[in-house]
Amino acid sequence: MSHDLPPYDLGMTADDAAARFDALQRKLVPLWTSIKAMSDDAQTIVVVVPSLSVDVALRPSEIQAYEERFLFLLLLLRQPRARLIYVTSQPVHPDVVDYYLGLLPGIIASHARRRLKLVTPMDGSSRPLSLKLLERPHLIAHLRGLIPDLDRCHLVPFNTTLIERDLALALGIPMYGADPRHFVHGTKSGGRKVFADAGVPHPLGIEDLAGEADVVAAIADMRARRPVDLDGLPPAGTPDARAAVAERVRAMRFESPAVAYPAFMAKLTANGGIAEERIVGDDLRSPSTQLRVTPLGTVERLSTHDQLLGGESGQSYLGCRFPADPGYAADIMRLGARVGDVLAADGVLGRFAVDFVVVRRP
């Protein structure tokens, strides 16, 4: 995911944009309090913009598939006073919409359909959907016109970059998602630091690496701290060990055949990365926990699942099985909640997931 997209020019300084966004976000507290109270007269308007910011070009069909992942939010229309505005780069097929509305318990689908507005810029390019909206003032005005009460509305994005923040500012509504200034927590280096703060077990590793020299030095340091199994390399600390590690790093094989070493190292140099011990075992699994931090600062536990991995080195995501194995589901959720406490204390808002590696040992 690309996190270095610049903010959209809204005609205000960076400090003014940050201050206005903070003011908007404070509106979520009374709104969430009302939603939690399940008041019959409380109207809720949700603007869903499943915008994806990535550093590779996606085909229009791939973009549409990602943007339709949030269609489960149509189930919010089971609440009779809820309204939903769902934005996609290109139109969603009516049969897909009808399928989701047909899942609503105790709600006539046609009634729910009247509370759903579908909006599209008709733009299949691989640029982020949020940017497509910001570039079309008439669509921003149209969206604002669909919102009867800005104080009862919030934005739900797919990811939260400065562009999503600026979309919230342009619409004049708060965003249920992490402020982009917290993006560092979602990086490999930031994640390891959160695990350390939360007391969550994590592999031996070194953060904040920015190039080949850092990677080689980190591996050499890890070998000195713990006997790491690297077949065919000289013993740690010997004169030729570091050169041998550098040669091995340059010969690394990637899970994706489309990735070449120079491009990989350029990305690591630009964005930073980690070197980390790989956990191995005969019975190795990769479960995941899903949680969220509400605007009230509460960490809510949502679900667990087991990721199904494959590929040449067993690291390609193929799907998942819900829920996770009961043998460890409670343990990983407990640890995931610790992560949530650290994020909540720092002001992070919204959904997040924590992936684990579980190995069965005697």
Protein backbone atom coordinates (compact mmCIF):
# COMPACT_ATOMS: atom_id res chain seq x y z
CA MET A 1 0.00 0.00 0.00
CA SER A 2 1.29 3.43 -0.89
CA HIS A 3 1.32 5.82 2.05
CA ASP A 4 3.28 8.67 0.51
CA LEU A 5 0.51 10.21 -1.58
CA PRO A 6 0.48 13.99 -1.07
CA PRO A 7 -2.58 15.74 0.31
CA TYR A 8 -5.06 17.21 -2.15
CA ASP A 9 -4.90 20.98 -2.53
CA LEU A 10 -7.93 22.22 -0.60
CA GLY A 11 -6.64 25.78 -0.44
CA MET A 12 -5.58 25.62 3.20
CA THR A 13 -2.33 25.18 5.07
CA ALA A 14 -1.30 21.81 6.50
CA ASP A 15 -1.89 23.10 10.03
CA ASP A 16 -5.36 24.39 9.14
CA ALA A 17 -6.25 21.06 7.49
CA ALA A 18 -5.10 19.11 10.56
CA ALA A 19 -7.03 21.40 12.92
CA ARG A 20 -10.23 21.18 10.86
CA PHE A 21 -9.94 17.42 10.65
CA ASP A 22 -9.50 17.16 14.43
CA ALA A 23 -12.64 19.26 14.88
CA LEU A 24 -14.59 17.00 12.53
CA GLN A 25 -13.38 13.87 14.31
CA ARG A 26 -14.72 15.15 17.63
CA LYS A 27 -18.21 14.93 16.12
CA LEU A 28 -17.90 11.15 16.15
CA VAL A 29 -18.19 10.99 19.94
CA PRO A 30 -21.81 12.20 20.26
CA LEU A 31 -22.72 10.41 17.04
CA TRP A 32 -21.36 7.08 18.34
CA THR A 33 -23.02 7.61 21.70
CA SER A 34 -26.34 8.00 19.90
CA ILE A 35 -25.71 4.95 17.72
CA LYS A 36 -24.82 2.83 20.76
CA ALA A 37 -28.01 3.96 22.49
CA MET A 38 -30.02 2.56 19.54
CA SER A 39 -32.35 5.55 19.65
CA ASP A 40 -35.35 5.08 17.36
CA ASP A 41 -35.23 8.69 16.19
CA ALA A 42 -31.47 8.71 15.57
CA GLN A 43 -30.79 8.90 11.87
CA THR A 44 -27.41 7.68 10.67
CA ILE A 45 -25.93 8.45 7.24
CA VAL A 46 -22.87 6.47 6.21
CA VAL A 47 -20.79 7.46 3.18
CA VAL A 48 -18.75 4.43 2.04
CA VAL A 49 -15.75 5.20 -0.17
CA PRO A 50 -13.70 1.98 -0.56
CA SER A 51 -10.72 3.81 -2.05
CA LEU A 52 -7.52 1.81 -2.48
CA SER A 53 -4.08 3.42 -2.67
CA VAL A 54 -1.47 1.04 -4.05
CA ASP A 55 1.80 1.45 -5.91
CA VAL A 56 0.95 -0.98 -8.70
CA ALA A 57 -1.47 -0.59 -11.59
CA LEU A 58 -4.65 -2.63 -11.17
CA ARG A 59 -7.01 -3.70 -13.92
CA PRO A 60 -10.53 -2.17 -13.82
CA SER A 61 -11.98 -5.55 -12.84
CA GLU A 62 -9.54 -5.81 -9.92
CA ILE A 63 -10.40 -2.29 -8.77
CA GLN A 64 -14.10 -3.11 -8.89
CA ALA A 65 -13.56 -6.32 -6.93
CA TYR A 66 -11.73 -4.46 -4.16
CA GLU A 67 -14.31 -1.69 -4.06
CA GLU A 68 -17.14 -4.18 -3.74
CA ARG A 69 -15.54 -5.83 -0.70
CA PHE A 70 -17.30 -3.30 1.51
CA LEU A 71 -20.76 -4.15 0.21
CA PHE A 72 -21.36 -6.04 3.44
CA LEU A 73 -21.97 -2.57 4.88
CA LEU A 74 -25.30 -2.61 3.06
CA LEU A 75 -26.44 -4.79 5.95
CA LEU A 76 -26.49 -1.59 8.04
CA LEU A 77 -29.75 -0.82 6.22
CA ARG A 78 -31.46 -3.33 8.52
CA GLN A 79 -31.72 -0.31 10.83
CA PRO A 80 -34.88 1.46 9.62
CA ARG A 81 -33.45 4.98 10.08
CA ALA A 82 -30.09 4.28 8.46
CA ARG A 83 -29.10 5.69 5.08
CA LEU A 84 -26.12 4.57 3.03
CA ILE A 85 -24.25 6.30 0.22
CA TYR A 86 -21.92 3.85 -1.55
CA VAL A 87 -19.34 5.13 -4.01
CA THR A 88 -17.49 3.01 -6.57
CA SER A 89 -15.30 3.88 -9.56
CA GLN A 90 -17.77 2.18 -11.88
CA PRO A 91 -21.39 1.07 -11.34
CA VAL A 92 -22.16 -2.01 -9.26
CA HIS A 93 -24.31 -4.52 -11.12
CA PRO A 94 -27.94 -4.30 -9.88
CA ASP A 95 -28.09 -8.05 -9.28
CA VAL A 96 -25.19 -7.75 -6.80
CA VAL A 97 -26.99 -4.99 -4.92
CA ASP A 98 -30.22 -7.01 -4.88
CA TYR A 99 -28.34 -10.01 -3.48
CA TYR A 100 -27.08 -8.05 -0.47
CA LEU A 101 -30.41 -6.37 0.16
CA GLY A 102 -32.05 -9.78 0.06
CA LEU A 103 -29.96 -10.78 3.09
CA LEU A 104 -31.51 -8.14 5.34
CA PRO A 105 -33.50 -9.82 8.14
CA GLY A 106 -37.06 -8.58 8.57
CA ILE A 107 -36.62 -5.73 6.08
CA ILE A 108 -38.41 -5.38 2.75
CA ALA A 109 -35.65 -5.06 0.16
CA SER A 110 -37.44 -2.30 -1.76
CA HIS A 111 -37.70 -0.21 1.43
CA ALA A 112 -33.98 -0.58 2.06
CA ARG A 113 -33.22 0.24 -1.57
CA ARG A 114 -34.84 3.66 -1.17
CA ARG A 115 -32.36 4.44 1.62
CA LEU A 116 -29.37 3.47 -0.52
CA LYS A 117 -27.70 5.85 -2.97
CA LEU A 118 -25.08 4.55 -5.41
CA VAL A 119 -22.64 7.11 -6.78
CA THR A 120 -19.86 6.66 -9.35
CA PRO A 121 -17.45 8.94 -11.23
CA MET A 122 -17.42 6.41 -14.11
CA ASP A 123 -13.63 6.25 -13.96
CA GLY A 124 -11.95 2.84 -14.21
CA SER A 125 -8.39 4.12 -13.89
CA SER A 126 -6.12 2.74 -11.16
CA ARG A 127 -5.96 6.05 -9.29
CA PRO A 128 -7.50 6.12 -5.79
CA LEU A 129 -11.27 6.54 -5.77
CA SER A 130 -11.00 9.35 -3.22
CA LEU A 131 -8.82 11.31 -5.64
CA LYS A 132 -11.32 10.74 -8.45
CA LEU A 133 -13.98 12.38 -6.26
CA LEU A 134 -11.80 15.30 -5.15
CA GLU A 135 -11.02 16.07 -8.79
CA ARG A 136 -14.74 16.37 -9.56
CA PRO A 137 -16.27 19.25 -7.55
CA HIS A 138 -19.68 18.51 -9.02
CA LEU A 139 -19.58 15.02 -7.48
CA ILE A 140 -18.52 16.44 -4.11
CA ALA A 141 -21.48 18.82 -4.31
CA HIS A 142 -23.75 15.93 -5.31
CA LEU A 143 -22.62 13.86 -2.35
CA ARG A 144 -23.13 16.75 0.06
CA GLY A 145 -26.61 17.18 -1.39
CA LEU A 146 -27.42 13.57 -0.51
CA ILE A 147 -26.59 14.20 3.16
CA PRO A 148 -29.57 15.74 4.97
CA ASP A 149 -27.66 16.30 8.22
CA LEU A 150 -23.88 16.60 8.30
CA ASP A 151 -23.88 16.08 12.07
CA ARG A 152 -25.46 12.63 11.65
CA CYS A 153 -23.05 11.43 8.97
CA HIS A 154 -19.60 9.87 8.79
CA LEU A 155 -17.22 8.60 6.13
CA VAL A 156 -16.08 4.95 6.02
CA PRO A 157 -12.96 4.50 3.84
CA PHE A 158 -11.08 1.35 2.80
CA ASN A 159 -7.71 2.78 3.79
CA THR A 160 -6.83 6.14 5.30
CA THR A 161 -4.27 8.30 3.57
CA LEU A 162 -4.09 12.07 3.40
CA ILE A 163 -6.43 11.87 0.40
CA GLU A 164 -9.18 10.22 2.48
CA ARG A 165 -8.64 12.85 5.18
CA ASP A 166 -9.02 15.56 2.56
CA LEU A 167 -12.18 13.91 1.21
CA ALA A 168 -13.65 14.08 4.71
CA LEU A 169 -12.73 17.78 4.84
CA ALA A 170 -14.29 18.43 1.43
CA LEU A 171 -17.51 16.68 2.46
CA GLY A 172 -17.53 18.29 5.91
CA ILE A 173 -18.02 14.98 7.75
CA PRO A 174 -15.81 12.97 10.16
CA MET A 175 -14.05 9.79 9.09
CA TYR A 176 -14.34 6.48 10.91
CA GLY A 177 -10.73 5.51 10.38
CA ALA A 178 -7.26 6.23 11.68
CA ASP A 179 -5.78 9.68 11.17
CA PRO A 180 -3.02 9.31 8.53
CA ARG A 181 -0.50 10.54 11.10
CA HIS A 182 -0.87 7.09 12.71
CA PHE A 183 0.14 5.29 9.50
CA VAL A 184 3.47 4.31 11.04
CA HIS A 185 1.70 1.81 13.31
CA GLY A 186 0.74 -0.20 10.24
CA THR A 187 4.26 -0.52 8.90
CA LYS A 188 6.49 -3.49 9.63
CA SER A 189 8.74 -1.41 11.89
CA GLY A 190 5.83 0.30 13.60
CA GLY A 191 4.03 -2.99 14.14
CA ARG A 192 7.03 -4.51 15.92
CA LYS A 193 7.22 -1.48 18.21
CA VAL A 194 3.51 -1.77 19.03
CA PHE A 195 3.98 -5.47 19.82
CA ALA A 196 6.83 -4.58 22.18
CA ASP A 197 4.75 -1.88 23.91
CA ALA A 198 1.82 -4.29 24.23
CA GLY A 199 3.92 -7.16 25.55
CA VAL A 200 2.98 -9.37 22.60
CA PRO A 201 5.54 -12.08 21.75
CA HIS A 202 7.19 -11.45 18.38
CA PRO A 203 10.22 -12.86 16.54
CA LEU A 204 13.77 -11.69 16.90
CA GLY A 205 14.28 -8.83 14.48
CA ILE A 206 15.51 -5.30 13.82
CA GLU A 207 13.43 -2.35 12.63
CA ASP A 208 13.95 0.83 10.63
CA LEU A 209 16.19 -0.60 7.93
CA ALA A 210 16.76 1.58 4.87
CA GLY A 211 18.92 -0.26 2.37
CA GLU A 212 21.08 -3.27 1.69
CA ALA A 213 23.81 -2.26 4.14
CA ASP A 214 21.23 -2.02 6.95
CA VAL A 215 19.82 -5.44 6.07
CA VAL A 216 23.25 -7.09 6.05
CA ALA A 217 24.19 -5.45 9.35
CA ALA A 218 20.88 -6.50 10.91
CA ILE A 219 21.29 -10.13 9.88
CA ALA A 220 24.87 -10.15 11.19
CA ASP A 221 23.65 -8.72 14.50
CA MET A 222 20.84 -11.28 14.75
CA ARG A 223 23.28 -14.13 14.10
CA ALA A 224 25.44 -12.83 16.93
CA ARG A 225 22.48 -12.67 19.31
CA ARG A 226 20.97 -16.03 18.43
CA PRO A 227 22.26 -18.97 16.37
CA VAL A 228 20.27 -18.42 13.19
CA ASP A 229 20.27 -21.30 10.74
CA LEU A 230 21.72 -20.01 7.46
CA ASP A 231 23.15 -23.03 5.66
CA GLY A 232 26.52 -22.61 4.02
CA LEU A 233 27.50 -19.31 5.62
CA PRO A 234 30.67 -18.80 7.65
CA PRO A 235 30.18 -18.70 11.43
CA ALA A 236 28.93 -15.41 12.84
CA GLY A 237 31.70 -12.98 13.69
CA THR A 238 34.31 -14.40 11.34
CA PRO A 239 36.07 -11.96 8.96
CA ASP A 240 34.28 -13.10 5.82
CA ALA A 241 30.83 -13.62 7.39
CA ARG A 242 29.38 -10.21 6.54
CA ALA A 243 30.43 -10.39 2.86
CA ALA A 244 28.85 -13.85 2.63
CA VAL A 245 25.61 -12.52 4.15
CA ALA A 246 25.56 -9.67 1.61
CA GLU A 247 25.98 -12.14 -1.23
CA ARG A 248 23.15 -14.29 0.13
CA VAL A 249 20.88 -11.25 0.50
CA ARG A 250 21.43 -10.29 -3.16
CA ALA A 251 20.53 -13.85 -4.20
CA MET A 252 17.25 -13.95 -2.28
CA ARG A 253 14.21 -15.44 -4.03
CA PHE A 254 10.85 -13.71 -3.89
CA GLU A 255 7.39 -15.19 -3.53
CA SER A 256 6.25 -13.25 -6.59
CA PRO A 257 8.17 -13.91 -9.81
CA ALA A 258 7.37 -10.35 -10.89
CA VAL A 259 9.63 -8.89 -8.15
CA ALA A 260 13.31 -8.29 -8.89
CA TYR A 261 15.97 -7.57 -6.30
CA PRO A 262 16.81 -4.00 -7.46
CA ALA A 263 13.16 -2.95 -7.34
CA PHE A 264 12.68 -4.60 -3.95
CA MET A 265 15.71 -2.89 -2.46
CA ALA A 266 14.66 0.46 -3.92
CA LYS A 267 11.29 0.12 -2.17
CA LEU A 268 12.93 -0.89 1.10
CA THR A 269 15.30 2.07 0.88
CA ALA A 270 12.43 4.48 0.20
CA ASN A 271 9.87 3.12 2.67
CA GLY A 272 11.93 1.28 5.28
CA GLY A 273 11.63 -2.29 6.45
CA ILE A 274 12.74 -4.95 8.90
CA ALA A 275 14.85 -8.08 9.12
CA GLU A 276 13.14 -10.75 11.17
CA GLU A 277 13.64 -14.36 12.16
CA ARG A 278 11.32 -16.70 10.31
CA ILE A 279 9.29 -18.95 12.58
CA VAL A 280 9.27 -22.56 11.35
CA GLY A 281 7.76 -25.84 12.47
CA ASP A 282 6.07 -29.01 11.28
CA ASP A 283 2.59 -27.74 12.11
CA LEU A 284 2.69 -24.01 11.34
CA ARG A 285 -0.42 -21.88 10.99
CA SER A 286 -1.16 -18.19 10.48
CA PRO A 287 -4.33 -17.08 12.28
CA SER A 288 -5.61 -13.52 12.43
CA THR A 289 -7.69 -11.45 14.82
CA GLN A 290 -9.95 -8.57 13.85
CA LEU A 291 -10.77 -5.76 16.27
CA ARG A 292 -11.78 -2.11 16.22
CA VAL A 293 -11.32 0.99 18.31
CA THR A 294 -14.51 3.04 18.58
CA PRO A 295 -14.69 6.83 18.81
CA LEU A 296 -15.39 6.31 22.50
CA GLY A 297 -11.93 4.74 22.92
CA THR A 298 -13.31 1.24 23.47
CA VAL A 299 -11.49 -1.76 21.99
CA GLU A 300 -14.07 -4.17 20.58
CA ARG A 301 -13.19 -7.78 19.72
CA LEU A 302 -14.78 -8.80 16.42
CA SER A 303 -13.59 -12.12 15.02
CA THR A 304 -10.77 -14.57 14.32
CA HIS A 305 -9.88 -16.71 11.33
CA ASP A 306 -7.17 -19.03 10.08
CA GLN A 307 -5.39 -17.81 6.96
CA LEU A 308 -4.81 -20.42 4.27
CA LEU A 309 -1.31 -19.99 2.84
CA GLY A 310 0.39 -21.54 -0.18
CA GLY A 311 2.75 -20.67 -2.97
CA GLU A 312 6.37 -21.65 -3.49
CA SER A 313 7.48 -20.73 0.02
CA GLY A 314 4.12 -21.03 1.75
CA GLN A 315 3.59 -17.31 2.19
CA SER A 316 0.93 -16.52 -0.43
CA TYR A 317 -2.55 -15.77 0.91
CA LEU A 318 -5.12 -18.13 -0.62
CA GLY A 319 -8.14 -17.56 1.61
CA CYS A 320 -9.28 -18.10 5.17
CA ARG A 321 -11.34 -20.34 7.42
CA PHE A 322 -13.63 -18.75 10.02
CA PRO A 323 -13.30 -18.88 13.00
CA ALA A 324 -9.73 -19.71 14.03
CA ASP A 325 -8.92 -23.03 15.67
CA PRO A 326 -10.36 -22.99 19.21
CA GLY A 327 -7.04 -24.35 20.44
CA TYR A 328 -5.53 -20.87 20.17
CA ALA A 329 -8.37 -18.51 19.14
CA ALA A 330 -8.83 -17.14 22.67
CA ASP A 331 -5.08 -16.64 23.12
CA ILE A 332 -4.58 -14.65 19.92
CA MET A 333 -7.65 -12.53 20.64
CA ARG A 334 -6.32 -11.72 24.10
CA LEU A 335 -3.00 -10.63 22.57
CA GLY A 336 -4.79 -8.72 19.81
CA ALA A 337 -6.72 -6.80 22.46
CA ARG A 338 -3.41 -5.76 24.04
CA VAL A 339 -2.43 -4.27 20.69
CA GLY A 340 -5.79 -2.51 20.60
CA ASP A 341 -5.16 -0.94 24.00
CA VAL A 342 -1.85 0.50 22.80
CA LEU A 343 -3.42 1.86 19.61
CA ALA A 344 -6.40 3.32 21.46
CA ALA A 345 -4.10 5.06 23.94
CA ASP A 346 -2.39 6.77 21.00
CA GLY A 347 -5.69 7.95 19.53
CA VAL A 348 -6.00 5.40 16.72
CA LEU A 349 -9.57 4.86 15.49
CA GLY A 350 -11.22 2.18 13.38
CA ARG A 351 -10.79 -1.45 12.37
CA PHE A 352 -7.50 -3.29 12.44
CA ALA A 353 -6.19 -6.85 12.30
CA VAL A 354 -3.26 -8.63 13.90
CA ASP A 355 -1.75 -11.63 12.13
CA PHE A 356 0.03 -14.35 14.07
CA VAL A 357 2.25 -17.35 13.43
CA VAL A 358 1.39 -20.36 15.58
CA VAL A 359 3.65 -23.43 15.85
CA ARG A 360 2.78 -26.62 17.70
CA ARG A 361 5.63 -27.78 19.91
CA PRO A 362 5.94 -30.69 22.37
